Amino acid sequence: MLGGIVALVVAIWFYRSAEGRGLPSVPWAMAGVIAYYVPNFIWSLMVAKPWLTTLHAQNAAVMSSLVGHSSIFVGLAFAVLARQFALMKAKPSV
C-alpha cells in the first residue's frame, strides 16, 4: 500500500514538473511511474526477498520490516535520478 501511494506521488511530481517546463505531462507522469516501479520490482525480487528469508530464520523483526520496505526507497531513488537527468534536461517542443 505504501508503495502505491509513493508511486502516485511520483506520478503527480513528474506531471507537475513536466507541465511547468512545457513538456507533455501525461507521458512524463507515466515515465515517472515506470522509473519508480521497474527498479522497485527488480530490487524486491532479486535482493529483498532472498534477504528476508534469512532474516525471518534469524527472528530479526525490525530488520525484516526495513528490508521489506527497502524496494520503495530504491524505486524512489531511481525516480529522483530520472527526474534530474531526463525530465529536467528535456527540451520543450516548440
PDB file of N, CA and C in Angstrom:
ATOM      1  N   MET A   1       0.816  -1.189   0.000  1.00  0.00           N
ATOM      2  CA  MET A   1       0.000   0.000   0.000  1.00  0.00           C
ATOM      3  C   MET A   1       0.865   1.260   0.000  1.00  0.00           C
ATOM      4  N   LEU A   2       1.897   1.264   0.815  1.00  0.00           N
ATOM      5  CA  LEU A   2       2.769   2.427   0.873  1.00  0.00           C
ATOM      6  C   LEU A   2       3.462   2.659  -0.474  1.00  0.00           C
ATOM      7  N   GLY A   3       3.834   1.560  -1.144  1.00  0.00           N
ATOM      8  CA  GLY A   3       4.464   1.685  -2.459  1.00  0.00           C
ATOM      9  C   GLY A   3       3.542   2.309  -3.490  1.00  0.00           C
ATOM     10  N   GLY A   4       2.257   1.982  -3.429  1.00  0.00           N
ATOM     11  CA  GLY A   4       1.285   2.579  -4.348  1.00  0.00           C
ATOM     12  C   GLY A   4       1.098   4.061  -4.104  1.00  0.00           C
ATOM     13  N   ILE A   5       1.111   4.454  -2.843  1.00  0.00           N
ATOM     14  CA  ILE A   5       0.995   5.879  -2.506  1.00  0.00           C
ATOM     15  C   ILE A   5       2.218   6.641  -3.011  1.00  0.00           C
ATOM     16  N   VAL A   6       3.393   6.051  -2.836  1.00  0.00           N
ATOM     17  CA  VAL A   6       4.620   6.692  -3.322  1.00  0.00           C
ATOM     18  C   VAL A   6       4.588   6.789  -4.846  1.00  0.00           C
ATOM     19  N   ALA A   7       4.108   5.761  -5.526  1.00  0.00           N
ATOM     20  CA  ALA A   7       4.003   5.801  -6.986  1.00  0.00           C
ATOM     21  C   ALA A   7       3.065   6.915  -7.445  1.00  0.00           C
ATOM     22  N   LEU A   8       1.958   7.105  -6.739  1.00  0.00           N
ATOM     23  CA  LEU A   8       1.021   8.180  -7.066  1.00  0.00           C
ATOM     24  C   LEU A   8       1.675   9.544  -6.868  1.00  0.00           C
ATOM     25  N   VAL A   9       2.422   9.703  -5.786  1.00  0.00           N
ATOM     26  CA  VAL A   9       3.123  10.970  -5.536  1.00  0.00           C
ATOM     27  C   VAL A   9       4.176  11.221  -6.609  1.00  0.00           C
ATOM     28  N   VAL A  10       4.887  10.178  -7.022  1.00  0.00           N
ATOM     29  CA  VAL A  10       5.891  10.320  -8.090  1.00  0.00           C
ATOM     30  C   VAL A  10       5.212  10.734  -9.390  1.00  0.00           C
ATOM     31  N   ALA A  11       4.072  10.135  -9.721  1.00  0.00           N
ATOM     32  CA  ALA A  11       3.354  10.488 -10.948  1.00  0.00           C
ATOM     33  C   ALA A  11       2.925  11.955 -10.922  1.00  0.00           C
ATOM     34  N   ILE A  12       2.401  12.411  -9.801  1.00  0.00           N
ATOM     35  CA  ILE A  12       1.983  13.812  -9.681  1.00  0.00           C
ATOM     36  C   ILE A  12       3.196  14.735  -9.776  1.00  0.00           C
ATOM     37  N   TRP A  13       4.277  14.342  -9.141  1.00  0.00           N
ATOM     38  CA  TRP A  13       5.503  15.140  -9.168  1.00  0.00           C
ATOM     39  C   TRP A  13       6.036  15.284 -10.586  1.00  0.00           C
ATOM     40  N   PHE A  14       6.096  14.179 -11.342  1.00  0.00           N
ATOM     41  CA  PHE A  14       6.551  14.232 -12.730  1.00  0.00           C
ATOM     42  C   PHE A  14       5.579  15.031 -13.583  1.00  0.00           C
ATOM     43  N   TYR A  15       4.269  14.849 -13.352  1.00  0.00           N
ATOM     44  CA  TYR A  15       3.253  15.566 -14.118  1.00  0.00           C
ATOM     45  C   TYR A  15       3.429  17.077 -13.955  1.00  0.00           C
ATOM     46  N   ARG A  16       3.555  17.519 -12.726  1.00  0.00           N
ATOM     47  CA  ARG A  16       3.690  18.966 -12.474  1.00  0.00           C
ATOM     48  C   ARG A  16       5.028  19.516 -12.955  1.00  0.00           C
ATOM     49  N   SER A  17       6.078  18.732 -12.826  1.00  0.00           N
ATOM     50  CA  SER A  17       7.388  19.187 -13.317  1.00  0.00           C
ATOM     51  C   SER A  17       7.376  19.337 -14.830  1.00  0.00           C
ATOM     52  N   ALA A  18       6.776  18.373 -15.520  1.00  0.00           N
ATOM     53  CA  ALA A  18       6.699  18.442 -16.981  1.00  0.00           C
ATOM     54  C   ALA A  18       5.805  19.595 -17.419  1.00  0.00           C
ATOM     55  N   GLU A  19       4.699  19.773 -16.731  1.00  0.00           N
ATOM     56  CA  GLU A  19       3.774  20.863 -17.045  1.00  0.00           C
ATOM     57  C   GLU A  19       4.465  22.219 -16.886  1.00  0.00           C
ATOM     58  N   GLY A  20       5.250  22.357 -15.841  1.00  0.00           N
ATOM     59  CA  GLY A  20       5.957  23.607 -15.599  1.00  0.00           C
ATOM     60  C   GLY A  20       7.038  23.903 -16.626  1.00  0.00           C
ATOM     61  N   ARG A  21       7.564  22.863 -17.254  1.00  0.00           N
ATOM     62  CA  ARG A  21       8.607  23.045 -18.263  1.00  0.00           C
ATOM     63  C   ARG A  21       8.052  23.079 -19.684  1.00  0.00           C
ATOM     64  N   GLY A  22       6.754  22.942 -19.835  1.00  0.00           N
ATOM     65  CA  GLY A  22       6.138  22.976 -21.155  1.00  0.00           C
ATOM     66  C   GLY A  22       6.284  21.662 -21.911  1.00  0.00           C
ATOM     67  N   LEU A  23       6.427  20.580 -21.209  1.00  0.00           N
ATOM     68  CA  LEU A  23       6.551  19.248 -21.809  1.00  0.00           C
ATOM     69  C   LEU A  23       5.221  18.517 -21.693  1.00  0.00           C
ATOM     70  N   PRO A  24       5.010  17.472 -22.510  1.00  0.00           N
ATOM     71  CA  PRO A  24       3.765  16.699 -22.383  1.00  0.00           C
ATOM     72  C   PRO A  24       3.687  16.017 -21.011  1.00  0.00           C
ATOM     73  N   SER A  25       2.665  16.338 -20.257  1.00  0.00           N
ATOM     74  CA  SER A  25       2.589  15.942 -18.848  1.00  0.00           C
ATOM     75  C   SER A  25       2.282  14.470 -18.613  1.00  0.00           C
ATOM     76  N   VAL A  26       1.299  13.934 -19.319  1.00  0.00           N
ATOM     77  CA  VAL A  26       0.874  12.554 -19.066  1.00  0.00           C
ATOM     78  C   VAL A  26       1.975  11.551 -19.408  1.00  0.00           C
ATOM     79  N   PRO A  27       2.652  11.672 -20.567  1.00  0.00           N
ATOM     80  CA  PRO A  27       3.737  10.723 -20.832  1.00  0.00           C
ATOM     81  C   PRO A  27       4.868  10.803 -19.794  1.00  0.00           C
ATOM     82  N   TRP A  28       5.154  11.994 -19.313  1.00  0.00           N
ATOM     83  CA  TRP A  28       6.189  12.128 -18.298  1.00  0.00           C
ATOM     84  C   TRP A  28       5.730  11.559 -16.959  1.00  0.00           C
ATOM     85  N   ALA A  29       4.458  11.681 -16.636  1.00  0.00           N
ATOM     86  CA  ALA A  29       3.938  11.072 -15.405  1.00  0.00           C
ATOM     87  C   ALA A  29       4.052   9.551 -15.487  1.00  0.00           C
ATOM     88  N   MET A  30       3.730   8.991 -16.642  1.00  0.00           N
ATOM     89  CA  MET A  30       3.871   7.542 -16.825  1.00  0.00           C
ATOM     90  C   MET A  30       5.341   7.130 -16.764  1.00  0.00           C
ATOM     91  N   ALA A  31       6.218   7.951 -17.327  1.00  0.00           N
ATOM     92  CA  ALA A  31       7.653   7.652 -17.263  1.00  0.00           C
ATOM     93  C   ALA A  31       8.143   7.656 -15.816  1.00  0.00           C
ATOM     94  N   GLY A  32       7.617   8.553 -15.022  1.00  0.00           N
ATOM     95  CA  GLY A  32       7.983   8.596 -13.612  1.00  0.00           C
ATOM     96  C   GLY A  32       7.554   7.345 -12.867  1.00  0.00           C
ATOM     97  N   VAL A  33       6.348   6.881 -13.156  1.00  0.00           N
ATOM     98  CA  VAL A  33       5.861   5.663 -12.507  1.00  0.00           C
ATOM     99  C   VAL A  33       6.694   4.457 -12.948  1.00  0.00           C
ATOM    100  N   ILE A  34       7.049   4.410 -14.218  1.00  0.00           N
ATOM    101  CA  ILE A  34       7.901   3.317 -14.715  1.00  0.00           C
ATOM    102  C   ILE A  34       9.283   3.393 -14.077  1.00  0.00           C
ATOM    103  N   ALA A  35       9.827   4.606 -13.978  1.00  0.00           N
ATOM    104  CA  ALA A  35      11.148   4.780 -13.359  1.00  0.00           C
ATOM    105  C   ALA A  35      11.123   4.390 -11.892  1.00  0.00           C
ATOM    106  N   TYR A  36       9.968   4.444 -11.271  1.00  0.00           N
ATOM    107  CA  TYR A  36       9.823   4.022  -9.875  1.00  0.00           C
ATOM    108  C   TYR A  36       9.625   2.509  -9.762  1.00  0.00           C
ATOM    109  N   TYR A  37       8.697   1.969 -10.558  1.00  0.00           N
ATOM    110  CA  TYR A  37       8.302   0.576 -10.372  1.00  0.00           C
ATOM    111  C   TYR A  37       9.316  -0.445 -10.899  1.00  0.00           C
ATOM    112  N   VAL A  38      10.014  -0.166 -11.977  1.00  0.00           N
ATOM    113  CA  VAL A  38      10.950  -1.158 -12.529  1.00  0.00           C
ATOM    114  C   VAL A  38      12.080  -1.466 -11.540  1.00  0.00           C
ATOM    115  N   PRO A  39      12.818  -0.462 -11.040  1.00  0.00           N
ATOM    116  CA  PRO A  39      13.848  -0.804 -10.043  1.00  0.00           C
ATOM    117  C   PRO A  39      13.249  -1.364  -8.750  1.00  0.00           C
ATOM    118  N   ASN A  40      12.070  -0.877  -8.376  1.00  0.00           N
ATOM    119  CA  ASN A  40      11.383  -1.373  -7.188  1.00  0.00           C
ATOM    120  C   ASN A  40      11.131  -2.878  -7.322  1.00  0.00           C
ATOM    121  N   PHE A  41      10.608  -3.297  -8.449  1.00  0.00           N
ATOM    122  CA  PHE A  41      10.280  -4.699  -8.697  1.00  0.00           C
ATOM    123  C   PHE A  41      11.548  -5.557  -8.757  1.00  0.00           C
ATOM    124  N   ILE A  42      12.557  -5.068  -9.463  1.00  0.00           N
ATOM    125  CA  ILE A  42      13.808  -5.825  -9.586  1.00  0.00           C
ATOM    126  C   ILE A  42      14.471  -5.991  -8.223  1.00  0.00           C
ATOM    127  N   TRP A  43      14.554  -4.913  -7.449  1.00  0.00           N
ATOM    128  CA  TRP A  43      15.148  -4.982  -6.114  1.00  0.00           C
ATOM    129  C   TRP A  43      14.365  -5.945  -5.226  1.00  0.00           C
ATOM    130  N   SER A  44      13.050  -5.852  -5.296  1.00  0.00           N
ATOM    131  CA  SER A  44      12.205  -6.698  -4.461  1.00  0.00           C
ATOM    132  C   SER A  44      12.451  -8.176  -4.741  1.00  0.00           C
ATOM    133  N   LEU A  45      12.539  -8.547  -6.013  1.00  0.00           N
ATOM    134  CA  LEU A  45      12.716  -9.955  -6.366  1.00  0.00           C
ATOM    135  C   LEU A  45      14.139 -10.456  -6.179  1.00  0.00           C
ATOM    136  N   MET A  46      15.113  -9.633  -6.526  1.00  0.00           N
ATOM    137  CA  MET A  46      16.489 -10.118  -6.536  1.00  0.00           C
ATOM    138  C   MET A  46      17.241  -9.906  -5.231  1.00  0.00           C
ATOM    139  N   VAL A  47      16.838  -8.935  -4.428  1.00  0.00           N
ATOM    140  CA  VAL A  47      17.578  -8.631  -3.201  1.00  0.00           C
ATOM    141  C   VAL A  47      16.717  -8.821  -1.960  1.00  0.00           C
ATOM    142  N   ALA A  48      15.581  -8.153  -1.908  1.00  0.00           N
ATOM    143  CA  ALA A  48      14.792  -8.116  -0.679  1.00  0.00           C
ATOM    144  C   ALA A  48      14.212  -9.479  -0.296  1.00  0.00           C
ATOM    145  N   LYS A  49      13.626 -10.196  -1.255  1.00  0.00           N
ATOM    146  CA  LYS A  49      13.010 -11.482  -0.910  1.00  0.00           C
ATOM    147  C   LYS A  49      14.025 -12.498  -0.390  1.00  0.00           C
ATOM    148  N   PRO A  50      15.155 -12.697  -1.075  1.00  0.00           N
ATOM    149  CA  PRO A  50      16.137 -13.639  -0.513  1.00  0.00           C
ATOM    150  C   PRO A  50      16.669 -13.196   0.850  1.00  0.00           C
ATOM    151  N   TRP A  51      16.870 -11.904   0.997  1.00  0.00           N
ATOM    152  CA  TRP A  51      17.366 -11.371   2.264  1.00  0.00           C
ATOM    153  C   TRP A  51      16.349 -11.588   3.384  1.00  0.00           C
ATOM    154  N   LEU A  52      15.069 -11.391   3.053  1.00  0.00           N
ATOM    155  CA  LEU A  52      14.010 -11.580   4.038  1.00  0.00           C
ATOM    156  C   LEU A  52      13.939 -13.013   4.553  1.00  0.00           C
ATOM    157  N   THR A  53      14.169 -13.981   3.677  1.00  0.00           N
ATOM    158  CA  THR A  53      14.107 -15.372   4.131  1.00  0.00           C
ATOM    159  C   THR A  53      15.176 -15.658   5.181  1.00  0.00           C
ATOM    160  N   THR A  54      16.362 -15.094   5.012  1.00  0.00           N
ATOM    161  CA  THR A  54      17.407 -15.304   6.015  1.00  0.00           C
ATOM    162  C   THR A  54      17.085 -14.547   7.303  1.00  0.00           C
ATOM    163  N   LEU A  55      16.499 -13.356   7.182  1.00  0.00           N
ATOM    164  CA  LEU A  55      16.158 -12.586   8.382  1.00  0.00           C
ATOM    165  C   LEU A  55      15.027 -13.229   9.182  1.00  0.00           C
ATOM    166  N   HIS A  56      14.067 -13.814   8.483  1.00  0.00           N
ATOM    167  CA  HIS A  56      12.979 -14.490   9.196  1.00  0.00           C
ATOM    168  C   HIS A  56      13.503 -15.712   9.952  1.00  0.00           C
ATOM    169  N   ALA A  57      14.471 -16.378   9.379  1.00  0.00           N
ATOM    170  CA  ALA A  57      15.067 -17.532  10.059  1.00  0.00           C
ATOM    171  C   ALA A  57      15.808 -17.102  11.327  1.00  0.00           C
ATOM    172  N   GLN A  58      16.296 -15.854  11.334  1.00  0.00           N
ATOM    173  CA  GLN A  58      17.031 -15.335  12.490  1.00  0.00           C
ATOM    174  C   GLN A  58      16.125 -14.610  13.490  1.00  0.00           C
ATOM    175  N   ASN A  59      14.832 -14.496  13.183  1.00  0.00           N
ATOM    176  CA  ASN A  59      13.883 -13.756  14.021  1.00  0.00           C
ATOM    177  C   ASN A  59      14.267 -12.287  14.201  1.00  0.00           C
ATOM    178  N   ALA A  60      14.700 -11.654  13.153  1.00  0.00           N
ATOM    179  CA  ALA A  60      15.071 -10.236  13.189  1.00  0.00           C
ATOM    180  C   ALA A  60      13.898  -9.414  12.655  1.00  0.00           C
ATOM    181  N   ALA A  61      12.937  -9.110  13.505  1.00  0.00           N
ATOM    182  CA  ALA A  61      11.689  -8.475  13.078  1.00  0.00           C
ATOM    183  C   ALA A  61      11.878  -7.054  12.569  1.00  0.00           C
ATOM    184  N   VAL A  62      12.639  -6.242  13.275  1.00  0.00           N
ATOM    185  CA  VAL A  62      12.815  -4.842  12.877  1.00  0.00           C
ATOM    186  C   VAL A  62      13.572  -4.763  11.551  1.00  0.00           C
ATOM    187  N   MET A  63      14.625  -5.531  11.432  1.00  0.00           N
ATOM    188  CA  MET A  63      15.398  -5.538  10.189  1.00  0.00           C
ATOM    189  C   MET A  63      14.559  -6.081   9.038  1.00  0.00           C
ATOM    190  N   SER A  64      13.713  -7.060   9.300  1.00  0.00           N
ATOM    191  CA  SER A  64      12.829  -7.596   8.263  1.00  0.00           C
ATOM    192  C   SER A  64      11.881  -6.524   7.744  1.00  0.00           C
ATOM    193  N   SER A  65      11.377  -5.699   8.630  1.00  0.00           N
ATOM    194  CA  SER A  65      10.482  -4.618   8.226  1.00  0.00           C
ATOM    195  C   SER A  65      11.214  -3.606   7.342  1.00  0.00           C
ATOM    196  N   LEU A  66      12.431  -3.267   7.725  1.00  0.00           N
ATOM    197  CA  LEU A  66      13.221  -2.321   6.928  1.00  0.00           C
ATOM    198  C   LEU A  66      13.543  -2.886   5.549  1.00  0.00           C
ATOM    199  N   VAL A  67      13.944  -4.133   5.502  1.00  0.00           N
ATOM    200  CA  VAL A  67      14.263  -4.761   4.216  1.00  0.00           C
ATOM    201  C   VAL A  67      13.002  -4.897   3.378  1.00  0.00           C
ATOM    202  N   GLY A  68      11.883  -5.192   4.008  1.00  0.00           N
ATOM    203  CA  GLY A  68      10.622  -5.305   3.277  1.00  0.00           C
ATOM    204  C   GLY A  68      10.200  -4.015   2.606  1.00  0.00           C
ATOM    205  N   HIS A  69      10.557  -2.888   3.180  1.00  0.00           N
ATOM    206  CA  HIS A  69      10.223  -1.584   2.594  1.00  0.00           C
ATOM    207  C   HIS A  69      11.373  -0.983   1.791  1.00  0.00           C
ATOM    208  N   SER A  70      12.488  -1.666   1.719  1.00  0.00           N
ATOM    209  CA  SER A  70      13.654  -1.103   1.026  1.00  0.00           C
ATOM    210  C   SER A  70      13.411  -0.893  -0.463  1.00  0.00           C
ATOM    211  N   SER A  71      12.564  -1.719  -1.072  1.00  0.00           N
ATOM    212  CA  SER A  71      12.305  -1.554  -2.503  1.00  0.00           C
ATOM    213  C   SER A  71      11.623  -0.216  -2.794  1.00  0.00           C
ATOM    214  N   ILE A  72      10.865   0.297  -1.839  1.00  0.00           N
ATOM    215  CA  ILE A  72      10.228   1.612  -2.004  1.00  0.00           C
ATOM    216  C   ILE A  72      11.309   2.692  -2.118  1.00  0.00           C
ATOM    217  N   PHE A  73      12.306   2.608  -1.245  1.00  0.00           N
ATOM    218  CA  PHE A  73      13.372   3.615  -1.259  1.00  0.00           C
ATOM    219  C   PHE A  73      14.246   3.500  -2.504  1.00  0.00           C
ATOM    220  N   VAL A  74      14.492   2.282  -2.947  1.00  0.00           N
ATOM    221  CA  VAL A  74      15.279   2.087  -4.173  1.00  0.00           C
ATOM    222  C   VAL A  74      14.520   2.659  -5.369  1.00  0.00           C
ATOM    223  N   GLY A  75      13.238   2.359  -5.485  1.00  0.00           N
ATOM    224  CA  GLY A  75      12.428   2.893  -6.576  1.00  0.00           C
ATOM    225  C   GLY A  75      12.355   4.410  -6.553  1.00  0.00           C
ATOM    226  N   LEU A  76      12.210   4.967  -5.364  1.00  0.00           N
ATOM    227  CA  LEU A  76      12.154   6.418  -5.229  1.00  0.00           C
ATOM    228  C   LEU A  76      13.476   7.062  -5.626  1.00  0.00           C
ATOM    229  N   ALA A  77      14.582   6.440  -5.264  1.00  0.00           N
ATOM    230  CA  ALA A  77      15.897   6.972  -5.649  1.00  0.00           C
ATOM    231  C   ALA A  77      16.047   6.987  -7.162  1.00  0.00           C
ATOM    232  N   PHE A  78      15.597   5.939  -7.836  1.00  0.00           N
ATOM    233  CA  PHE A  78      15.691   5.908  -9.299  1.00  0.00           C
ATOM    234  C   PHE A  78      14.742   6.915  -9.938  1.00  0.00           C
ATOM    235  N   ALA A  79      13.587   7.145  -9.349  1.00  0.00           N
ATOM    236  CA  ALA A  79      12.665   8.160  -9.871  1.00  0.00           C
ATOM    237  C   ALA A  79      13.267   9.553  -9.741  1.00  0.00           C
ATOM    238  N   VAL A  80      13.931   9.812  -8.626  1.00  0.00           N
ATOM    239  CA  VAL A  80      14.595  11.117  -8.442  1.00  0.00           C
ATOM    240  C   VAL A  80      15.690  11.285  -9.481  1.00  0.00           C
ATOM    241  N   LEU A  81      16.469  10.246  -9.710  1.00  0.00           N
ATOM    242  CA  LEU A  81      17.527  10.319 -10.730  1.00  0.00           C
ATOM    243  C   LEU A  81      16.946  10.520 -12.125  1.00  0.00           C
ATOM    244  N   ALA A  82      15.851   9.836 -12.432  1.00  0.00           N
ATOM    245  CA  ALA A  82      15.203  10.002 -13.737  1.00  0.00           C
ATOM    246  C   ALA A  82      14.708  11.429 -13.927  1.00  0.00           C
ATOM    247  N   ARG A  83      14.167  12.010 -12.878  1.00  0.00           N
ATOM    248  CA  ARG A  83      13.698  13.394 -12.977  1.00  0.00           C
ATOM    249  C   ARG A  83      14.867  14.339 -13.212  1.00  0.00           C
ATOM    250  N   GLN A  84      15.935  14.161 -12.450  1.00  0.00           N
ATOM    251  CA  GLN A  84      17.081  15.063 -12.562  1.00  0.00           C
ATOM    252  C   GLN A  84      17.789  14.946 -13.904  1.00  0.00           C
ATOM    253  N   PHE A  85      17.969  13.712 -14.383  1.00  0.00           N
ATOM    254  CA  PHE A  85      18.791  13.507 -15.570  1.00  0.00           C
ATOM    255  C   PHE A  85      18.003  13.360 -16.866  1.00  0.00           C
ATOM    256  N   ALA A  86      16.708  13.190 -16.806  1.00  0.00           N
ATOM    257  CA  ALA A  86      15.920  13.073 -18.029  1.00  0.00           C
ATOM    258  C   ALA A  86      14.909  14.195 -18.167  1.00  0.00           C
ATOM    259  N   LEU A  87      14.032  14.318 -17.188  1.00  0.00           N
ATOM    260  CA  LEU A  87      12.961  15.307 -17.279  1.00  0.00           C
ATOM    261  C   LEU A  87      13.509  16.729 -17.255  1.00  0.00           C
ATOM    262  N   MET A  88      14.417  17.024 -16.353  1.00  0.00           N
ATOM    263  CA  MET A  88      14.908  18.395 -16.229  1.00  0.00           C
ATOM    264  C   MET A  88      15.818  18.804 -17.381  1.00  0.00           C
ATOM    265  N   LYS A  89      16.336  17.838 -18.133  1.00  0.00           N
ATOM    266  CA  LYS A  89      17.198  18.165 -19.270  1.00  0.00           C
ATOM    267  C   LYS A  89      16.472  18.092 -20.597  1.00  0.00           C
ATOM    268  N   ALA A  90      15.219  17.653 -20.588  1.00  0.00           N
ATOM    269  CA  ALA A  90      14.442  17.557 -21.822  1.00  0.00           C
ATOM    270  C   ALA A  90      14.080  18.933 -22.324  1.00  0.00           C
ATOM    271  N   LYS A  91      14.162  19.088 -23.610  1.00  0.00           N
ATOM    272  CA  LYS A  91      13.835  20.364 -24.250  1.00  0.00           C
ATOM    273  C   LYS A  91      12.362  20.390 -24.635  1.00  0.00           C
ATOM    274  N   PRO A  92      11.658  21.461 -24.302  1.00  0.00           N
ATOM    275  CA  PRO A  92      10.249  21.556 -24.711  1.00  0.00           C
ATOM    276  C   PRO A  92      10.147  21.667 -26.230  1.00  0.00           C
ATOM    277  N   SER A  93       9.175  20.972 -26.795  1.00  0.00           N
ATOM    278  CA  SER A  93       8.986  21.055 -28.249  1.00  0.00           C
ATOM    279  C   SER A  93       8.161  22.307 -28.547  1.00  0.00           C
ATOM    280  N   VAL A  94       8.664  23.086 -29.446  1.00  0.00           N
ATOM    281  CA  VAL A  94       8.011  24.356 -29.767  1.00  0.00           C
ATOM    282  C   VAL A  94       7.173  24.245 -30.993  1.00  0.00           C
TER     283      VAL A  94
END
